[in-house]
Structures are given as C-alpha cells and as structure tokens.
N, C-alpha and C. Protein backbone atom coordinates (compact mmCIF):
# COMPACT_ATOMS: atom_id res chain seq x y z
N MET A 1 -0.35 -32.61 27.98
CA MET A 1 -0.03 -33.33 26.76
C MET A 1 -1.21 -34.17 26.27
N ASP A 2 -2.39 -33.89 26.83
CA ASP A 2 -3.57 -34.60 26.36
C ASP A 2 -3.77 -34.33 24.88
N GLY A 3 -4.28 -35.31 24.17
CA GLY A 3 -4.52 -35.17 22.75
C GLY A 3 -3.35 -35.59 21.89
N LEU A 4 -2.18 -35.78 22.48
CA LEU A 4 -1.01 -36.23 21.73
C LEU A 4 -1.02 -37.75 21.61
N ASP A 5 -0.49 -38.26 20.50
CA ASP A 5 -0.34 -39.71 20.38
C ASP A 5 0.79 -40.16 21.32
N VAL A 6 0.86 -41.45 21.57
CA VAL A 6 1.80 -41.97 22.56
C VAL A 6 3.25 -41.68 22.19
N LEU A 7 3.59 -41.74 20.91
CA LEU A 7 4.97 -41.45 20.51
C LEU A 7 5.32 -39.99 20.78
N SER A 8 4.40 -39.09 20.51
CA SER A 8 4.64 -37.67 20.79
C SER A 8 4.85 -37.44 22.29
N LYS A 9 4.10 -38.17 23.12
CA LYS A 9 4.28 -38.04 24.57
C LYS A 9 5.64 -38.56 25.01
N ILE A 10 6.08 -39.68 24.42
CA ILE A 10 7.39 -40.24 24.76
C ILE A 10 8.50 -39.29 24.34
N LEU A 11 8.40 -38.72 23.16
CA LEU A 11 9.46 -37.89 22.61
C LEU A 11 9.47 -36.46 23.14
N TYR A 12 8.38 -35.99 23.71
CA TYR A 12 8.26 -34.60 24.14
C TYR A 12 9.48 -34.17 24.95
N PRO A 13 10.09 -33.03 24.65
CA PRO A 13 9.66 -31.93 23.81
C PRO A 13 10.12 -32.02 22.34
N VAL A 14 10.77 -33.11 21.95
CA VAL A 14 11.16 -33.31 20.55
C VAL A 14 9.91 -33.72 19.78
N THR A 15 9.69 -33.16 18.60
CA THR A 15 8.52 -33.52 17.82
C THR A 15 8.77 -34.83 17.07
N THR A 16 7.70 -35.50 16.71
CA THR A 16 7.83 -36.73 15.94
C THR A 16 8.53 -36.46 14.61
N GLY A 17 8.21 -35.35 13.96
CA GLY A 17 8.86 -34.99 12.70
C GLY A 17 10.36 -34.81 12.86
N GLU A 18 10.77 -34.11 13.92
CA GLU A 18 12.20 -33.92 14.18
C GLU A 18 12.88 -35.25 14.48
N PHE A 19 12.20 -36.10 15.25
CA PHE A 19 12.75 -37.42 15.59
C PHE A 19 12.98 -38.25 14.32
N VAL A 20 11.98 -38.32 13.45
CA VAL A 20 12.09 -39.11 12.23
C VAL A 20 13.14 -38.52 11.30
N GLY A 21 13.13 -37.20 11.14
CA GLY A 21 14.05 -36.56 10.20
C GLY A 21 15.49 -36.53 10.63
N ARG A 22 15.73 -36.46 11.94
CA ARG A 22 17.11 -36.31 12.40
C ARG A 22 17.68 -37.53 13.13
N TYR A 23 16.85 -38.23 13.92
CA TYR A 23 17.39 -39.24 14.82
C TYR A 23 17.08 -40.69 14.45
N PHE A 24 15.86 -40.99 14.08
CA PHE A 24 15.42 -42.39 13.90
C PHE A 24 16.35 -43.14 12.95
N GLN A 25 17.00 -44.16 13.45
CA GLN A 25 17.95 -45.00 12.73
C GLN A 25 19.19 -44.23 12.27
N ARG A 26 19.45 -43.05 12.90
CA ARG A 26 20.59 -42.23 12.49
C ARG A 26 21.56 -41.93 13.62
N GLU A 27 21.03 -41.39 14.72
CA GLU A 27 21.93 -41.01 15.81
C GLU A 27 21.20 -41.08 17.15
N PRO A 28 21.97 -41.24 18.23
CA PRO A 28 21.36 -41.34 19.56
C PRO A 28 20.66 -40.05 19.97
N LEU A 29 19.65 -40.22 20.80
CA LEU A 29 18.89 -39.08 21.32
C LEU A 29 18.59 -39.35 22.79
N LEU A 30 18.92 -38.42 23.64
CA LEU A 30 18.58 -38.50 25.06
C LEU A 30 17.57 -37.41 25.36
N ILE A 31 16.44 -37.81 25.92
CA ILE A 31 15.41 -36.86 26.33
C ILE A 31 15.17 -37.07 27.81
N ARG A 32 15.46 -36.07 28.59
CA ARG A 32 15.21 -36.16 30.03
C ARG A 32 13.77 -35.77 30.31
N GLY A 33 13.24 -36.28 31.40
CA GLY A 33 11.87 -35.95 31.76
C GLY A 33 11.64 -36.24 33.22
N PRO A 34 10.46 -35.90 33.72
CA PRO A 34 10.15 -36.17 35.13
C PRO A 34 10.02 -37.68 35.38
N GLU A 35 10.19 -38.06 36.62
CA GLU A 35 10.14 -39.48 36.98
C GLU A 35 8.83 -40.15 36.58
N ASN A 36 7.76 -39.41 36.52
CA ASN A 36 6.46 -39.99 36.22
C ASN A 36 6.08 -39.88 34.73
N LYS A 37 7.02 -39.55 33.87
CA LYS A 37 6.72 -39.29 32.46
C LYS A 37 5.98 -40.45 31.79
N PHE A 38 6.30 -41.67 32.15
CA PHE A 38 5.74 -42.84 31.47
C PHE A 38 4.70 -43.58 32.30
N GLU A 39 4.23 -42.98 33.39
CA GLU A 39 3.35 -43.71 34.30
C GLU A 39 2.06 -44.20 33.66
N GLU A 40 1.52 -43.49 32.68
CA GLU A 40 0.29 -43.98 32.04
C GLU A 40 0.58 -45.08 31.04
N LEU A 41 1.84 -45.24 30.67
CA LEU A 41 2.23 -46.28 29.73
C LEU A 41 2.64 -47.56 30.47
N PHE A 42 3.46 -47.40 31.52
CA PHE A 42 3.99 -48.56 32.25
C PHE A 42 4.64 -48.07 33.53
N SER A 43 4.62 -48.91 34.58
CA SER A 43 5.26 -48.54 35.84
C SER A 43 5.93 -49.77 36.45
N THR A 44 6.86 -49.53 37.34
CA THR A 44 7.60 -50.62 37.98
C THR A 44 6.70 -51.66 38.63
N PRO A 45 5.64 -51.26 39.37
CA PRO A 45 4.79 -52.29 39.98
C PRO A 45 4.14 -53.24 38.97
N GLN A 46 3.99 -52.79 37.73
CA GLN A 46 3.36 -53.62 36.70
C GLN A 46 4.32 -54.67 36.12
N PHE A 47 5.60 -54.56 36.43
CA PHE A 47 6.60 -55.44 35.82
C PHE A 47 6.23 -56.91 35.92
N LYS A 48 5.81 -57.35 37.10
CA LYS A 48 5.56 -58.78 37.32
C LYS A 48 4.13 -59.21 36.99
N GLU A 49 3.31 -58.31 36.46
CA GLU A 49 1.93 -58.66 36.12
C GLU A 49 1.86 -59.36 34.76
N ASN A 50 1.06 -60.40 34.68
CA ASN A 50 0.75 -61.07 33.41
C ASN A 50 1.97 -61.65 32.69
N LEU A 51 3.00 -62.02 33.42
CA LEU A 51 4.20 -62.56 32.77
C LEU A 51 3.94 -63.88 32.07
N ASP A 52 2.83 -64.52 32.36
CA ASP A 52 2.47 -65.76 31.66
C ASP A 52 2.08 -65.49 30.21
N ARG A 53 1.95 -64.23 29.82
CA ARG A 53 1.55 -63.87 28.45
C ARG A 53 2.72 -63.42 27.57
N VAL A 54 3.90 -63.22 28.14
CA VAL A 54 5.02 -62.68 27.38
C VAL A 54 5.68 -63.75 26.51
N GLU A 55 6.55 -63.31 25.60
CA GLU A 55 7.24 -64.25 24.72
C GLU A 55 8.22 -65.13 25.50
N HIS A 56 9.10 -64.48 26.26
CA HIS A 56 10.02 -65.24 27.12
C HIS A 56 10.68 -64.34 28.15
N ILE A 57 11.26 -64.99 29.15
CA ILE A 57 11.94 -64.31 30.25
C ILE A 57 13.36 -64.88 30.31
N ARG A 58 14.34 -63.99 30.42
CA ARG A 58 15.74 -64.43 30.52
C ARG A 58 16.38 -63.84 31.77
N ALA A 59 17.33 -64.57 32.32
CA ALA A 59 18.22 -64.05 33.36
C ALA A 59 19.56 -63.82 32.67
N VAL A 60 20.09 -62.60 32.80
CA VAL A 60 21.35 -62.25 32.13
C VAL A 60 22.38 -61.89 33.20
N PHE A 61 23.50 -62.59 33.15
CA PHE A 61 24.60 -62.42 34.10
C PHE A 61 25.78 -61.72 33.44
N PRO A 62 26.83 -61.38 34.21
CA PRO A 62 28.02 -60.78 33.60
C PRO A 62 28.54 -61.60 32.42
N LEU A 63 29.22 -60.91 31.51
CA LEU A 63 29.73 -61.47 30.26
C LEU A 63 28.58 -61.94 29.37
N LEU A 64 27.38 -61.41 29.64
CA LEU A 64 26.17 -61.70 28.88
C LEU A 64 25.81 -63.18 28.88
N ARG A 65 26.22 -63.89 29.92
CA ARG A 65 25.76 -65.28 30.08
C ARG A 65 24.30 -65.21 30.45
N GLN A 66 23.49 -66.03 29.80
CA GLN A 66 22.06 -65.93 30.01
C GLN A 66 21.35 -67.27 29.83
N ALA A 67 20.15 -67.30 30.38
CA ALA A 67 19.32 -68.51 30.26
C ALA A 67 17.87 -68.09 30.34
N ARG A 68 17.03 -68.82 29.62
CA ARG A 68 15.59 -68.61 29.77
C ARG A 68 15.17 -69.16 31.12
N ILE A 69 14.27 -68.44 31.75
CA ILE A 69 13.80 -68.86 33.07
C ILE A 69 12.29 -68.76 33.12
N GLY A 70 11.72 -69.30 34.19
CA GLY A 70 10.29 -69.19 34.44
C GLY A 70 10.00 -68.07 35.42
N ILE A 71 8.75 -67.74 35.54
CA ILE A 71 8.32 -66.66 36.44
C ILE A 71 8.80 -66.91 37.87
N ALA A 72 8.68 -68.13 38.33
CA ALA A 72 9.04 -68.46 39.71
C ALA A 72 10.54 -68.30 39.98
N ASP A 73 11.36 -68.28 38.93
CA ASP A 73 12.82 -68.17 39.09
C ASP A 73 13.29 -66.73 39.29
N ILE A 74 12.45 -65.75 39.00
CA ILE A 74 12.87 -64.35 39.02
C ILE A 74 13.48 -63.92 40.35
N PRO A 75 12.85 -64.16 41.50
CA PRO A 75 13.47 -63.70 42.77
C PRO A 75 14.86 -64.28 43.00
N ASP A 76 15.04 -65.59 42.74
CA ASP A 76 16.35 -66.22 42.94
C ASP A 76 17.39 -65.64 41.99
N MET A 77 17.01 -65.38 40.75
CA MET A 77 17.95 -64.84 39.77
C MET A 77 18.35 -63.41 40.12
N LEU A 78 17.41 -62.61 40.61
CA LEU A 78 17.75 -61.26 41.06
C LEU A 78 18.71 -61.30 42.24
N ARG A 79 18.46 -62.21 43.20
CA ARG A 79 19.36 -62.35 44.36
C ARG A 79 20.75 -62.78 43.91
N ALA A 80 20.83 -63.54 42.83
CA ALA A 80 22.12 -64.01 42.31
C ALA A 80 22.81 -62.95 41.45
N GLY A 81 22.17 -61.78 41.28
CA GLY A 81 22.80 -60.68 40.56
C GLY A 81 22.43 -60.56 39.10
N ALA A 82 21.48 -61.35 38.63
CA ALA A 82 21.10 -61.30 37.22
C ALA A 82 20.19 -60.12 36.94
N THR A 83 20.24 -59.65 35.70
CA THR A 83 19.25 -58.73 35.19
C THR A 83 18.17 -59.58 34.54
N ILE A 84 16.94 -59.28 34.83
CA ILE A 84 15.82 -60.01 34.24
C ILE A 84 15.37 -59.26 32.98
N CYS A 85 15.31 -59.96 31.88
CA CYS A 85 14.88 -59.39 30.60
C CYS A 85 13.61 -60.10 30.16
N VAL A 86 12.55 -59.34 29.99
CA VAL A 86 11.27 -59.90 29.55
C VAL A 86 10.97 -59.37 28.15
N THR A 87 10.79 -60.28 27.21
CA THR A 87 10.50 -59.92 25.82
C THR A 87 9.01 -60.13 25.55
N GLY A 88 8.41 -59.17 24.89
CA GLY A 88 6.99 -59.28 24.54
C GLY A 88 6.07 -58.71 25.59
N MET A 89 6.49 -57.65 26.26
CA MET A 89 5.65 -57.05 27.31
C MET A 89 4.33 -56.49 26.76
N GLU A 90 4.30 -56.21 25.45
CA GLU A 90 3.04 -55.72 24.85
C GLU A 90 1.95 -56.77 24.91
N ASN A 91 2.32 -58.05 25.06
CA ASN A 91 1.34 -59.12 25.20
C ASN A 91 0.76 -59.18 26.61
N ALA A 92 1.48 -58.61 27.57
CA ALA A 92 1.07 -58.67 28.97
C ALA A 92 0.32 -57.42 29.43
N HIS A 93 0.48 -56.32 28.70
CA HIS A 93 -0.10 -55.05 29.15
C HIS A 93 -0.79 -54.35 27.97
N ASP A 94 -2.08 -54.13 28.09
CA ASP A 94 -2.84 -53.49 27.01
C ASP A 94 -2.26 -52.14 26.63
N SER A 95 -1.79 -51.37 27.61
CA SER A 95 -1.25 -50.03 27.31
C SER A 95 -0.05 -50.14 26.37
N LEU A 96 0.78 -51.15 26.56
CA LEU A 96 1.94 -51.35 25.68
C LEU A 96 1.53 -51.92 24.32
N GLY A 97 0.51 -52.76 24.32
CA GLY A 97 0.00 -53.29 23.06
C GLY A 97 -0.57 -52.18 22.18
N HIS A 98 -1.34 -51.28 22.79
CA HIS A 98 -1.89 -50.14 22.05
C HIS A 98 -0.77 -49.21 21.59
N ALA A 99 0.22 -48.99 22.47
CA ALA A 99 1.34 -48.12 22.12
C ALA A 99 2.12 -48.70 20.94
N ARG A 100 2.34 -50.01 20.95
CA ARG A 100 3.06 -50.67 19.85
C ARG A 100 2.37 -50.41 18.52
N ALA A 101 1.07 -50.61 18.49
CA ALA A 101 0.30 -50.41 17.25
C ALA A 101 0.33 -48.94 16.82
N GLU A 102 0.20 -48.03 17.78
CA GLU A 102 0.18 -46.61 17.46
C GLU A 102 1.53 -46.12 16.97
N ILE A 103 2.61 -46.59 17.59
CA ILE A 103 3.96 -46.20 17.17
C ILE A 103 4.23 -46.70 15.75
N SER A 104 3.85 -47.93 15.45
CA SER A 104 4.01 -48.46 14.09
C SER A 104 3.27 -47.59 13.08
N ARG A 105 2.04 -47.21 13.45
CA ARG A 105 1.22 -46.41 12.55
C ARG A 105 1.80 -45.01 12.34
N VAL A 106 2.16 -44.33 13.43
CA VAL A 106 2.66 -42.96 13.35
C VAL A 106 3.96 -42.90 12.55
N LEU A 107 4.83 -43.89 12.74
CA LEU A 107 6.11 -43.91 12.02
C LEU A 107 6.00 -44.53 10.63
N SER A 108 4.85 -45.13 10.32
CA SER A 108 4.70 -45.92 9.08
C SER A 108 5.82 -46.95 9.01
N TYR A 109 6.08 -47.56 10.15
CA TYR A 109 7.19 -48.51 10.28
C TYR A 109 6.68 -49.92 10.09
N THR A 110 7.24 -50.63 9.13
CA THR A 110 6.79 -51.99 8.84
C THR A 110 7.61 -53.05 9.57
N GLY A 111 8.68 -52.64 10.25
CA GLY A 111 9.48 -53.59 11.02
C GLY A 111 8.77 -53.97 12.31
N LYS A 112 9.38 -54.87 13.05
CA LYS A 112 8.79 -55.32 14.31
C LYS A 112 8.96 -54.26 15.39
N VAL A 113 7.88 -53.94 16.04
CA VAL A 113 7.89 -53.04 17.20
C VAL A 113 7.45 -53.89 18.38
N SER A 114 8.26 -53.90 19.42
CA SER A 114 7.91 -54.67 20.61
C SER A 114 8.47 -53.97 21.84
N PHE A 115 8.02 -54.41 23.00
CA PHE A 115 8.50 -53.86 24.26
C PHE A 115 9.19 -54.95 25.06
N ARG A 116 10.36 -54.62 25.56
CA ARG A 116 11.08 -55.47 26.51
C ARG A 116 11.15 -54.70 27.82
N ALA A 117 11.20 -55.43 28.90
CA ALA A 117 11.35 -54.79 30.20
C ALA A 117 12.51 -55.46 30.92
N TYR A 118 13.28 -54.65 31.63
CA TYR A 118 14.46 -55.13 32.34
C TYR A 118 14.36 -54.75 33.80
N LEU A 119 14.74 -55.66 34.65
CA LEU A 119 14.78 -55.41 36.08
C LEU A 119 16.14 -55.86 36.58
N SER A 120 16.89 -54.93 37.14
CA SER A 120 18.25 -55.23 37.60
C SER A 120 18.39 -54.94 39.08
N PRO A 121 19.18 -55.77 39.78
CA PRO A 121 19.50 -55.44 41.16
C PRO A 121 20.37 -54.18 41.19
N ARG A 122 20.36 -53.46 42.29
CA ARG A 122 21.16 -52.25 42.43
C ARG A 122 22.62 -52.55 42.07
N GLY A 123 23.20 -51.67 41.25
CA GLY A 123 24.61 -51.82 40.87
C GLY A 123 24.86 -52.86 39.80
N SER A 124 23.81 -53.37 39.20
CA SER A 124 23.95 -54.43 38.20
C SER A 124 23.38 -53.98 36.87
N GLY A 125 23.61 -54.75 35.84
CA GLY A 125 23.08 -54.45 34.51
C GLY A 125 23.88 -55.20 33.47
N PHE A 126 23.57 -54.96 32.22
CA PHE A 126 24.26 -55.65 31.13
C PHE A 126 25.68 -55.14 30.95
N ASP A 127 26.58 -56.03 30.53
CA ASP A 127 27.89 -55.61 30.09
C ASP A 127 27.74 -54.95 28.72
N MET A 128 28.80 -54.31 28.24
CA MET A 128 28.75 -53.67 26.94
C MET A 128 28.37 -54.70 25.88
N HIS A 129 27.49 -54.27 24.96
CA HIS A 129 27.01 -55.18 23.92
C HIS A 129 26.48 -54.38 22.75
N PHE A 130 26.11 -55.05 21.69
CA PHE A 130 25.55 -54.44 20.49
C PHE A 130 24.14 -54.95 20.31
N ASP A 131 23.20 -54.05 20.11
CA ASP A 131 21.82 -54.44 19.81
C ASP A 131 21.68 -54.50 18.29
N ALA A 132 21.41 -55.68 17.77
CA ALA A 132 21.29 -55.88 16.32
C ALA A 132 19.88 -55.55 15.85
N ARG A 133 19.39 -54.40 16.30
CA ARG A 133 18.05 -53.93 15.93
C ARG A 133 17.97 -52.47 16.34
N VAL A 134 16.95 -51.79 15.87
CA VAL A 134 16.68 -50.44 16.35
C VAL A 134 16.18 -50.60 17.78
N ALA A 135 16.81 -49.93 18.72
CA ALA A 135 16.41 -50.06 20.12
C ALA A 135 16.21 -48.68 20.73
N SER A 136 15.09 -48.51 21.39
CA SER A 136 14.80 -47.30 22.13
C SER A 136 14.56 -47.71 23.58
N THR A 137 15.06 -46.92 24.49
CA THR A 137 14.95 -47.27 25.90
C THR A 137 14.18 -46.19 26.65
N LEU A 138 13.18 -46.61 27.40
CA LEU A 138 12.44 -45.72 28.28
C LEU A 138 12.83 -46.10 29.70
N GLN A 139 13.59 -45.27 30.36
CA GLN A 139 14.02 -45.55 31.73
C GLN A 139 12.87 -45.20 32.66
N ILE A 140 12.22 -46.21 33.23
CA ILE A 140 11.03 -46.01 34.05
C ILE A 140 11.39 -45.64 35.48
N ALA A 141 12.42 -46.28 36.03
CA ALA A 141 12.81 -46.01 37.42
C ALA A 141 14.29 -46.35 37.59
N GLY A 142 14.86 -45.83 38.66
CA GLY A 142 16.24 -46.14 38.97
C GLY A 142 17.22 -45.33 38.14
N ARG A 143 18.47 -45.79 38.17
CA ARG A 143 19.54 -45.09 37.46
C ARG A 143 20.37 -46.11 36.70
N LYS A 144 20.84 -45.70 35.55
CA LYS A 144 21.74 -46.52 34.73
C LYS A 144 22.79 -45.61 34.13
N ARG A 145 23.95 -46.15 33.88
CA ARG A 145 24.96 -45.45 33.11
C ARG A 145 24.96 -46.07 31.72
N TRP A 146 24.72 -45.25 30.73
CA TRP A 146 24.63 -45.72 29.35
C TRP A 146 25.90 -45.38 28.61
N TRP A 147 26.40 -46.34 27.84
CA TRP A 147 27.56 -46.14 26.99
C TRP A 147 27.11 -46.39 25.56
N TYR A 148 27.49 -45.52 24.67
CA TYR A 148 27.15 -45.74 23.27
C TYR A 148 28.21 -45.10 22.40
N GLN A 149 28.29 -45.55 21.18
CA GLN A 149 29.21 -44.98 20.22
C GLN A 149 28.42 -44.56 18.99
N VAL A 150 28.56 -43.31 18.61
CA VAL A 150 27.82 -42.78 17.48
C VAL A 150 28.25 -43.46 16.18
N ASP A 151 29.55 -43.66 16.02
CA ASP A 151 30.08 -44.27 14.80
C ASP A 151 30.83 -45.54 15.19
N PRO A 152 30.15 -46.69 15.19
CA PRO A 152 30.79 -47.92 15.66
C PRO A 152 32.00 -48.31 14.80
N ALA A 153 32.95 -48.96 15.42
CA ALA A 153 34.14 -49.43 14.72
C ALA A 153 33.79 -50.47 13.68
N THR A 154 32.76 -51.26 13.94
CA THR A 154 32.31 -52.29 13.01
C THR A 154 30.84 -52.05 12.70
N ARG A 155 30.52 -51.83 11.45
CA ARG A 155 29.13 -51.66 11.04
C ARG A 155 28.45 -53.03 11.06
N TYR A 156 27.31 -53.13 11.71
CA TYR A 156 26.50 -54.35 11.75
C TYR A 156 27.31 -55.59 12.13
N PRO A 157 27.92 -55.57 13.32
CA PRO A 157 28.69 -56.76 13.73
C PRO A 157 27.79 -57.97 13.88
N ARG A 158 28.36 -59.14 13.63
CA ARG A 158 27.59 -60.38 13.71
C ARG A 158 27.45 -60.87 15.14
N LYS A 159 28.32 -60.42 16.03
CA LYS A 159 28.21 -60.81 17.45
C LYS A 159 28.75 -59.73 18.33
C-alpha cells in the first residue's frame, strides 16, 4: 500500500471515493483488517507517550460518569475499572498530526478532525451513548462489541 495517502490506507479495500460517496456522514462502515493495519500510524505502546501535550485526559466509569484526570492518575483509574479517554492525541504524536492534516485535505473537510485514544480494562468500556459529531474508530488492539443504530429514534439528540 506504499504510495497511498493515510486515509486510503485506513479505508483499504474501500476507496476514498466510495467512502465519501456512500458512507461519510451517511451510514456505518465496518472494515476488517490485520492486527497490524495501523502500526505505522499508532500502536498501543505509544498510548502513554507525550500525554503532557494532549488537550485533556478523562476517566469514564459506568453510566458515563467521568472526570478529568492527570497522567499520574491513569493506573489507579484503570484499576478502578475506568476507561481512559485522551483527547488531542494528534498533539502528542507526529504521525497522528500529519494524518489529521492529510485527512482534512483529502476529504476537503473544513470541520474539526482530531484523534482520541481510549484504553479500557478487560471487560470494560463505555455504556451506550450518542456521539454528537462524526466519529470514526480505528480499533488498534483488543476486542470490543459495538452497538449502533443506522436510523436513530431521535435525530441529533441533545444528550
């Protein structure tokens, strides 16, 4: 896949044109790939690197109870069963910063493009919720069960 832009590598084997024309802001898309598909973009060992550069770090518990935390709090929050959510990972990793700029350019997207990273203890994760933004997920490691609804009961819910 050398020579492809980062979005084309993420979407492969779906083309960027097909993604924009059929899926982007329209319907869910699942693309399976090998475990190492995103290794040049980001990897689990990199999660805790440069966290002093990110926008913020949150610990999220069941019922979506959450609090902003510091870097030193991460181990205790994981032991307590929280999912760690880091916003602004593109500030901490050059590969994500370059990817953010390239994705914006390729899509001609003027909205905010950013990377969040999540770290959950085994058997844990977010409760059902609504993302009030366009959200794409790259599963780097582990397993998750995803629930989604193609046609939500409430369009653009406030909470």
